[in-house]
Amino acid sequence: MTDSLALTEVEFEQRSFITKVYGWMATALLITAFVAFYVVSTPSLFIPLVTNRTLFMALIIGELLLVGYLVVAIKKMSAAAATATFIGYSALNGLTLSLIFMVYTMSSISTTFFITASTFAIMSFYGYTTKRDLTSIGNLCIMGMVGIVIASIVNFFFFNETFYWVTTYIGILVFVGLIAYDTQKIKNINIIGNEGTEEERKFAIMGALALYLDFINLFLFLLRIFGRKK
């Protein structure tokens, strides 16, 4: 009876923690979407972003630096600072993602978002409920992600359409796998008895960041397939 009660308490705390992770992830996605919509509907912001390549590259570099700083420095940061950095990153991401509205139709962006959300829900549910250890799959996906980054950089200079589509389909498989892997890892990362502490809040932010990045990258790869250009 005691073991059963303890198990129930562990499961309750795990669910409470993962709910916070999903909550922060959803908040970040809403902020990204709001900023993207606001920028694209505000010519004074959108036109400089489209016409000034230096500004756009500076924003991309700023995103990379900000997310890198959060990953590296979160142990030394307060939970409030980690949260603010994560929110700032999601807003900055909204700035750069606003450009997709210039390239793709609104209906195809909406369709792709729905497909991404559905895929995310299925794979995250699998990662949360499966008893199978997904570490080997996760490691394979991480190696695949590194390979995609390198291949994409190379193909930026030597654009090859076949290579582009190969990396697109591999990218989809990689991030579908990472959603399940990251969900399982996040489920197990929280220390039982940590509820309500600074540590738990920071763990929740890091978990939300991982799933947010999985979602955004899957969305962008799927947009290559389902997006209809204007």
C-alpha atoms as a PDB file:
ATOM      1  CA  MET A   1       0.000   0.000   0.000  1.00  0.00           C
ATOM      2  CA  THR A   2       2.835   2.383   0.921  1.00  0.00           C
ATOM      3  CA  ASP A   3       4.719   1.551  -2.309  1.00  0.00           C
ATOM      4  CA  SER A   4       1.553   2.131  -4.302  1.00  0.00           C
ATOM      5  CA  LEU A   5       1.009   5.503  -2.616  1.00  0.00           C
ATOM      6  CA  ALA A   6       4.635   6.498  -3.206  1.00  0.00           C
ATOM      7  CA  LEU A   7       4.319   5.562  -6.870  1.00  0.00           C
ATOM      8  CA  THR A   8       1.200   7.680  -7.141  1.00  0.00           C
ATOM      9  CA  GLU A   9       3.029  10.652  -5.606  1.00  0.00           C
ATOM     10  CA  VAL A  10       5.950  10.192  -8.016  1.00  0.00           C
ATOM     11  CA  GLU A  11       3.609  10.023 -11.001  1.00  0.00           C
ATOM     12  CA  PHE A  12       1.703  13.074  -9.776  1.00  0.00           C
ATOM     13  CA  GLU A  13       4.917  15.092  -9.427  1.00  0.00           C
ATOM     14  CA  GLN A  14       6.120  13.952 -12.853  1.00  0.00           C
ATOM     15  CA  ARG A  15       2.836  15.003 -14.432  1.00  0.00           C
ATOM     16  CA  SER A  16       2.903  18.320 -12.599  1.00  0.00           C
ATOM     17  CA  PHE A  17       6.425  18.977 -13.838  1.00  0.00           C
ATOM     18  CA  ILE A  18       5.747  17.990 -17.452  1.00  0.00           C
ATOM     19  CA  THR A  19       2.608  20.162 -17.411  1.00  0.00           C
ATOM     20  CA  LYS A  20       4.780  23.147 -16.466  1.00  0.00           C
ATOM     21  CA  VAL A  21       7.192  22.283 -19.271  1.00  0.00           C
ATOM     22  CA  TYR A  22       4.366  22.161 -21.817  1.00  0.00           C
ATOM     23  CA  GLY A  23       2.956  25.375 -20.388  1.00  0.00           C
ATOM     24  CA  TRP A  24       6.204  27.276 -20.890  1.00  0.00           C
ATOM     25  CA  MET A  25       6.677  25.766 -24.334  1.00  0.00           C
ATOM     26  CA  ALA A  26       3.158  26.802 -25.380  1.00  0.00           C
ATOM     27  CA  THR A  27       3.756  30.297 -23.978  1.00  0.00           C
ATOM     28  CA  ALA A  28       6.955  30.613 -26.014  1.00  0.00           C
ATOM     29  CA  LEU A  29       5.194  29.462 -29.198  1.00  0.00           C
ATOM     30  CA  LEU A  30       2.400  32.002 -28.625  1.00  0.00           C
ATOM     31  CA  ILE A  31       4.948  34.781 -28.118  1.00  0.00           C
ATOM     32  CA  THR A  32       6.805  33.756 -31.279  1.00  0.00           C
ATOM     33  CA  ALA A  33       3.555  33.695 -33.280  1.00  0.00           C
ATOM     34  CA  PHE A  34       2.379  37.046 -31.850  1.00  0.00           C
ATOM     35  CA  VAL A  35       5.688  38.781 -32.611  1.00  0.00           C
ATOM     36  CA  ALA A  36       5.785  37.295 -36.136  1.00  0.00           C
ATOM     37  CA  PHE A  37       2.212  38.471 -36.870  1.00  0.00           C
ATOM     38  CA  TYR A  38       2.892  41.905 -35.374  1.00  0.00           C
ATOM     39  CA  VAL A  39       6.097  42.404 -37.372  1.00  0.00           C
ATOM     40  CA  VAL A  40       4.591  41.298 -40.692  1.00  0.00           C
ATOM     41  CA  SER A  41       1.655  43.674 -40.173  1.00  0.00           C
ATOM     42  CA  THR A  42       3.905  46.608 -39.249  1.00  0.00           C
ATOM     43  CA  PRO A  43       5.728  47.906 -42.361  1.00  0.00           C
ATOM     44  CA  SER A  44       8.145  50.042 -40.333  1.00  0.00           C
ATOM     45  CA  LEU A  45       9.480  46.846 -38.765  1.00  0.00           C
ATOM     46  CA  PHE A  46       9.010  44.346 -41.574  1.00  0.00           C
ATOM     47  CA  ILE A  47      10.529  46.324 -44.470  1.00  0.00           C
ATOM     48  CA  PRO A  48      13.929  46.899 -42.781  1.00  0.00           C
ATOM     49  CA  LEU A  49      13.995  43.207 -41.846  1.00  0.00           C
ATOM     50  CA  VAL A  50      13.432  42.175 -45.468  1.00  0.00           C
ATOM     51  CA  THR A  51      15.695  44.728 -47.128  1.00  0.00           C
ATOM     52  CA  ASN A  52      18.582  44.850 -44.651  1.00  0.00           C
ATOM     53  CA  ARG A  53      20.529  41.580 -44.892  1.00  0.00           C
ATOM     54  CA  THR A  54      23.003  42.726 -42.235  1.00  0.00           C
ATOM     55  CA  LEU A  55      20.183  43.320 -39.755  1.00  0.00           C
ATOM     56  CA  PHE A  56      18.700  39.896 -40.455  1.00  0.00           C
ATOM     57  CA  MET A  57      22.044  38.132 -40.007  1.00  0.00           C
ATOM     58  CA  ALA A  58      22.623  40.073 -36.778  1.00  0.00           C
ATOM     59  CA  LEU A  59      19.278  38.808 -35.467  1.00  0.00           C
ATOM     60  CA  ILE A  60      20.171  35.210 -36.395  1.00  0.00           C
ATOM     61  CA  ILE A  61      23.515  35.515 -34.613  1.00  0.00           C
ATOM     62  CA  GLY A  62      21.764  37.111 -31.649  1.00  0.00           C
ATOM     63  CA  GLU A  63      19.376  34.148 -31.450  1.00  0.00           C
ATOM     64  CA  LEU A  64      22.238  31.664 -31.464  1.00  0.00           C
ATOM     65  CA  LEU A  65      24.133  33.587 -28.799  1.00  0.00           C
ATOM     66  CA  LEU A  66      21.070  33.947 -26.602  1.00  0.00           C
ATOM     67  CA  VAL A  67      20.082  30.276 -26.702  1.00  0.00           C
ATOM     68  CA  GLY A  68      23.724  29.253 -26.245  1.00  0.00           C
ATOM     69  CA  TYR A  69      24.019  31.525 -23.222  1.00  0.00           C
ATOM     70  CA  LEU A  70      20.858  30.050 -21.700  1.00  0.00           C
ATOM     71  CA  VAL A  71      22.083  26.467 -22.132  1.00  0.00           C
ATOM     72  CA  VAL A  72      25.557  27.153 -20.767  1.00  0.00           C
ATOM     73  CA  ALA A  73      24.760  29.578 -17.952  1.00  0.00           C
ATOM     74  CA  ILE A  74      21.408  28.354 -16.646  1.00  0.00           C
ATOM     75  CA  LYS A  75      22.934  26.607 -13.605  1.00  0.00           C
ATOM     76  CA  LYS A  76      24.287  29.953 -12.393  1.00  0.00           C
ATOM     77  CA  MET A  77      21.179  31.936 -13.311  1.00  0.00           C
ATOM     78  CA  SER A  78      18.113  32.527 -11.190  1.00  0.00           C
ATOM     79  CA  ALA A  79      14.874  30.941 -12.365  1.00  0.00           C
ATOM     80  CA  ALA A  80      13.519  34.423 -13.157  1.00  0.00           C
ATOM     81  CA  ALA A  81      16.554  35.246 -15.321  1.00  0.00           C
ATOM     82  CA  ALA A  82      16.302  31.907 -17.139  1.00  0.00           C
ATOM     83  CA  THR A  83      12.613  32.517 -17.801  1.00  0.00           C
ATOM     84  CA  ALA A  84      13.253  36.051 -19.083  1.00  0.00           C
ATOM     85  CA  THR A  85      16.030  34.796 -21.383  1.00  0.00           C
ATOM     86  CA  PHE A  86      13.777  32.070 -22.771  1.00  0.00           C
ATOM     87  CA  ILE A  87      10.952  34.536 -23.386  1.00  0.00           C
ATOM     88  CA  GLY A  88      13.400  36.954 -25.025  1.00  0.00           C
ATOM     89  CA  TYR A  89      14.663  34.193 -27.297  1.00  0.00           C
ATOM     90  CA  SER A  90      11.133  33.220 -28.356  1.00  0.00           C
ATOM     91  CA  ALA A  91      10.353  36.875 -29.168  1.00  0.00           C
ATOM     92  CA  LEU A  92      13.571  37.244 -31.178  1.00  0.00           C
ATOM     93  CA  ASN A  93      12.697  34.056 -33.032  1.00  0.00           C
ATOM     94  CA  GLY A  94       9.358  35.618 -33.917  1.00  0.00           C
ATOM     95  CA  LEU A  95      11.193  38.480 -35.616  1.00  0.00           C
ATOM     96  CA  THR A  96      13.139  36.201 -37.938  1.00  0.00           C
ATOM     97  CA  LEU A  97      10.255  33.784 -38.556  1.00  0.00           C
ATOM     98  CA  SER A  98       8.060  36.668 -39.720  1.00  0.00           C
ATOM     99  CA  LEU A  99       9.780  36.323 -43.100  1.00  0.00           C
ATOM    100  CA  ILE A 100       7.919  33.072 -43.819  1.00  0.00           C
ATOM    101  CA  PHE A 101       4.762  35.147 -44.303  1.00  0.00           C
ATOM    102  CA  MET A 102       6.458  36.877 -47.212  1.00  0.00           C
ATOM    103  CA  VAL A 103       7.313  33.541 -48.875  1.00  0.00           C
ATOM    104  CA  TYR A 104       4.360  31.247 -48.098  1.00  0.00           C
ATOM    105  CA  THR A 105       0.588  31.662 -48.147  1.00  0.00           C
ATOM    106  CA  MET A 106      -1.212  32.002 -44.839  1.00  0.00           C
ATOM    107  CA  SER A 107      -3.354  28.926 -45.494  1.00  0.00           C
ATOM    108  CA  SER A 108      -0.336  26.686 -46.104  1.00  0.00           C
ATOM    109  CA  ILE A 109       1.401  28.038 -42.980  1.00  0.00           C
ATOM    110  CA  SER A 110      -1.733  27.258 -40.938  1.00  0.00           C
ATOM    111  CA  THR A 111      -1.989  23.755 -42.429  1.00  0.00           C
ATOM    112  CA  THR A 112       1.668  23.061 -41.725  1.00  0.00           C
ATOM    113  CA  PHE A 113       1.300  24.302 -38.161  1.00  0.00           C
ATOM    114  CA  PHE A 114      -1.644  21.933 -37.616  1.00  0.00           C
ATOM    115  CA  ILE A 115       0.338  18.997 -39.043  1.00  0.00           C
ATOM    116  CA  THR A 116       3.309  19.902 -36.832  1.00  0.00           C
ATOM    117  CA  ALA A 117       1.151  20.218 -33.714  1.00  0.00           C
ATOM    118  CA  SER A 118      -0.540  16.866 -34.397  1.00  0.00           C
ATOM    119  CA  THR A 119       2.783  15.107 -34.998  1.00  0.00           C
ATOM    120  CA  PHE A 120       4.259  16.711 -31.899  1.00  0.00           C
ATOM    121  CA  ALA A 121       1.321  15.593 -29.741  1.00  0.00           C
ATOM    122  CA  ILE A 122       1.551  11.986 -30.962  1.00  0.00           C
ATOM    123  CA  MET A 123       5.318  11.669 -30.562  1.00  0.00           C
ATOM    124  CA  SER A 124       5.407  13.480 -27.226  1.00  0.00           C
ATOM    125  CA  PHE A 125       2.671  11.206 -25.891  1.00  0.00           C
ATOM    126  CA  TYR A 126       4.662   8.202 -27.080  1.00  0.00           C
ATOM    127  CA  GLY A 127       7.830   9.493 -25.436  1.00  0.00           C
ATOM    128  CA  TYR A 128       5.995  10.080 -22.167  1.00  0.00           C
ATOM    129  CA  THR A 129       4.206   6.736 -22.000  1.00  0.00           C
ATOM    130  CA  THR A 130       6.610   4.241 -23.586  1.00  0.00           C
ATOM    131  CA  LYS A 131       8.611   1.904 -21.364  1.00  0.00           C
ATOM    132  CA  ARG A 132      11.300   1.584 -24.027  1.00  0.00           C
ATOM    133  CA  ASP A 133      14.561   3.434 -23.394  1.00  0.00           C
ATOM    134  CA  LEU A 134      14.871   5.957 -26.229  1.00  0.00           C
ATOM    135  CA  THR A 135      18.479   6.955 -25.466  1.00  0.00           C
ATOM    136  CA  SER A 136      19.951   5.143 -28.480  1.00  0.00           C
ATOM    137  CA  ILE A 137      17.347   6.711 -30.790  1.00  0.00           C
ATOM    138  CA  GLY A 138      18.008  10.113 -29.234  1.00  0.00           C
ATOM    139  CA  ASN A 139      21.769   9.809 -29.730  1.00  0.00           C
ATOM    140  CA  LEU A 140      21.234   8.804 -33.356  1.00  0.00           C
ATOM    141  CA  CYS A 141      18.922  11.786 -33.894  1.00  0.00           C
ATOM    142  CA  ILE A 142      21.424  14.167 -32.301  1.00  0.00           C
ATOM    143  CA  MET A 143      24.145  12.922 -34.658  1.00  0.00           C
ATOM    144  CA  GLY A 144      21.701  13.311 -37.531  1.00  0.00           C
ATOM    145  CA  MET A 145      20.931  16.879 -36.434  1.00  0.00           C
ATOM    146  CA  VAL A 146      24.632  17.774 -36.413  1.00  0.00           C
ATOM    147  CA  GLY A 147      24.958  16.259 -39.875  1.00  0.00           C
ATOM    148  CA  ILE A 148      22.012  18.302 -41.143  1.00  0.00           C
ATOM    149  CA  VAL A 149      23.503  21.533 -39.792  1.00  0.00           C
ATOM    150  CA  ILE A 150      26.825  20.849 -41.526  1.00  0.00           C
ATOM    151  CA  ALA A 151      25.121  19.741 -44.751  1.00  0.00           C
ATOM    152  CA  SER A 152      22.875  22.823 -44.748  1.00  0.00           C
ATOM    153  CA  ILE A 153      25.843  25.152 -44.335  1.00  0.00           C
ATOM    154  CA  VAL A 154      27.648  23.461 -47.236  1.00  0.00           C
ATOM    155  CA  ASN A 155      24.529  23.527 -49.403  1.00  0.00           C
ATOM    156  CA  PHE A 156      24.078  27.227 -48.657  1.00  0.00           C
ATOM    157  CA  PHE A 157      27.103  27.893 -50.863  1.00  0.00           C
ATOM    158  CA  PHE A 158      26.539  25.094 -53.412  1.00  0.00           C
ATOM    159  CA  PHE A 159      22.771  24.936 -53.702  1.00  0.00           C
ATOM    160  CA  ASN A 160      21.759  21.508 -54.919  1.00  0.00           C
ATOM    161  CA  GLU A 161      18.043  20.823 -55.092  1.00  0.00           C
ATOM    162  CA  THR A 162      18.388  17.056 -54.586  1.00  0.00           C
ATOM    163  CA  PHE A 163      20.587  17.623 -51.533  1.00  0.00           C
ATOM    164  CA  TYR A 164      18.052  20.152 -50.257  1.00  0.00           C
ATOM    165  CA  TRP A 165      15.197  17.632 -50.368  1.00  0.00           C
ATOM    166  CA  VAL A 166      17.296  14.835 -48.881  1.00  0.00           C
ATOM    167  CA  THR A 167      18.157  17.009 -45.866  1.00  0.00           C
ATOM    168  CA  THR A 168      14.497  18.037 -45.612  1.00  0.00           C
ATOM    169  CA  TYR A 169      13.177  14.483 -45.228  1.00  0.00           C
ATOM    170  CA  ILE A 170      16.045  13.454 -42.955  1.00  0.00           C
ATOM    171  CA  GLY A 171      15.393  16.577 -40.860  1.00  0.00           C
ATOM    172  CA  ILE A 172      11.748  15.613 -40.414  1.00  0.00           C
ATOM    173  CA  LEU A 173      12.715  12.118 -39.234  1.00  0.00           C
ATOM    174  CA  VAL A 174      15.373  13.526 -36.897  1.00  0.00           C
ATOM    175  CA  PHE A 175      13.055  15.990 -35.142  1.00  0.00           C
ATOM    176  CA  VAL A 176      10.161  13.538 -34.950  1.00  0.00           C
ATOM    177  CA  GLY A 177      12.550  11.209 -33.088  1.00  0.00           C
ATOM    178  CA  LEU A 178      13.881  14.025 -30.909  1.00  0.00           C
ATOM    179  CA  ILE A 179      10.386  14.973 -29.754  1.00  0.00           C
ATOM    180  CA  ALA A 180       9.853  11.497 -28.301  1.00  0.00           C
ATOM    181  CA  TYR A 181      13.388  11.302 -26.890  1.00  0.00           C
ATOM    182  CA  ASP A 182      13.340  14.766 -25.322  1.00  0.00           C
ATOM    183  CA  THR A 183       9.915  14.148 -23.767  1.00  0.00           C
ATOM    184  CA  GLN A 184      11.146  10.954 -22.118  1.00  0.00           C
ATOM    185  CA  LYS A 185      14.321  12.681 -20.941  1.00  0.00           C
ATOM    186  CA  ILE A 186      12.383  15.635 -19.540  1.00  0.00           C
ATOM    187  CA  LYS A 187       9.974  13.301 -17.746  1.00  0.00           C
ATOM    188  CA  ASN A 188      12.891  11.664 -15.937  1.00  0.00           C
ATOM    189  CA  ILE A 189      15.076  14.720 -15.347  1.00  0.00           C
ATOM    190  CA  ASN A 190      13.051  16.278 -12.541  1.00  0.00           C
ATOM    191  CA  ILE A 191      14.183  15.338  -9.045  1.00  0.00           C
ATOM    192  CA  ILE A 192      11.288  14.063  -6.956  1.00  0.00           C
ATOM    193  CA  GLY A 193      10.739  16.368  -3.991  1.00  0.00           C
ATOM    194  CA  ASN A 194      11.959  19.382  -5.965  1.00  0.00           C
ATOM    195  CA  GLU A 195       8.491  20.754  -6.648  1.00  0.00           C
ATOM    196  CA  GLY A 196       8.192  24.513  -6.262  1.00  0.00           C
ATOM    197  CA  THR A 197      11.961  25.097  -5.999  1.00  0.00           C
ATOM    198  CA  GLU A 198      14.225  27.277  -8.151  1.00  0.00           C
ATOM    199  CA  GLU A 199      15.831  24.103  -9.525  1.00  0.00           C
ATOM    200  CA  GLU A 200      12.502  22.750 -10.711  1.00  0.00           C
ATOM    201  CA  ARG A 201      11.622  26.013 -12.435  1.00  0.00           C
ATOM    202  CA  LYS A 202      14.959  26.037 -14.263  1.00  0.00           C
ATOM    203  CA  PHE A 203      14.562  22.394 -15.273  1.00  0.00           C
ATOM    204  CA  ALA A 204      11.109  23.265 -16.618  1.00  0.00           C
ATOM    205  CA  ILE A 205      12.524  26.125 -18.701  1.00  0.00           C
ATOM    206  CA  MET A 206      15.266  23.917 -20.152  1.00  0.00           C
ATOM    207  CA  GLY A 207      12.722  21.221 -20.957  1.00  0.00           C
ATOM    208  CA  ALA A 208      10.442  23.780 -22.600  1.00  0.00           C
ATOM    209  CA  LEU A 209      13.367  25.111 -24.646  1.00  0.00           C
ATOM    210  CA  ALA A 210      14.224  21.619 -25.940  1.00  0.00           C
ATOM    211  CA  LEU A 211      10.641  20.890 -27.001  1.00  0.00           C
ATOM    212  CA  TYR A 212      10.190  24.407 -28.418  1.00  0.00           C
ATOM    213  CA  LEU A 213      13.248  23.947 -30.634  1.00  0.00           C
ATOM    214  CA  ASP A 214      12.025  20.507 -31.727  1.00  0.00           C
ATOM    215  CA  PHE A 215       8.634  21.975 -32.645  1.00  0.00           C
ATOM    216  CA  ILE A 216      10.015  24.982 -34.537  1.00  0.00           C
ATOM    217  CA  ASN A 217      12.527  22.934 -36.516  1.00  0.00           C
ATOM    218  CA  LEU A 218       9.950  20.268 -37.418  1.00  0.00           C
ATOM    219  CA  PHE A 219       7.575  23.046 -38.516  1.00  0.00           C
ATOM    220  CA  LEU A 220      10.211  24.622 -40.769  1.00  0.00           C
ATOM    221  CA  PHE A 221      11.141  21.323 -42.393  1.00  0.00           C
ATOM    222  CA  LEU A 222       7.483  20.427 -42.972  1.00  0.00           C
ATOM    223  CA  LEU A 223       6.889  23.906 -44.397  1.00  0.00           C
ATOM    224  CA  ARG A 224       9.340  23.064 -47.180  1.00  0.00           C
ATOM    225  CA  ILE A 225       6.960  20.287 -48.237  1.00  0.00           C
ATOM    226  CA  PHE A 226       3.503  21.652 -47.454  1.00  0.00           C
ATOM    227  CA  GLY A 227       4.138  25.374 -47.833  1.00  0.00           C
ATOM    228  CA  ARG A 228       2.693  26.966 -50.962  1.00  0.00           C
ATOM    229  CA  LYS A 229       4.739  29.904 -52.150  1.00  0.00           C
ATOM    230  CA  LYS A 230       3.078  33.191 -53.054  1.00  0.00           C
END
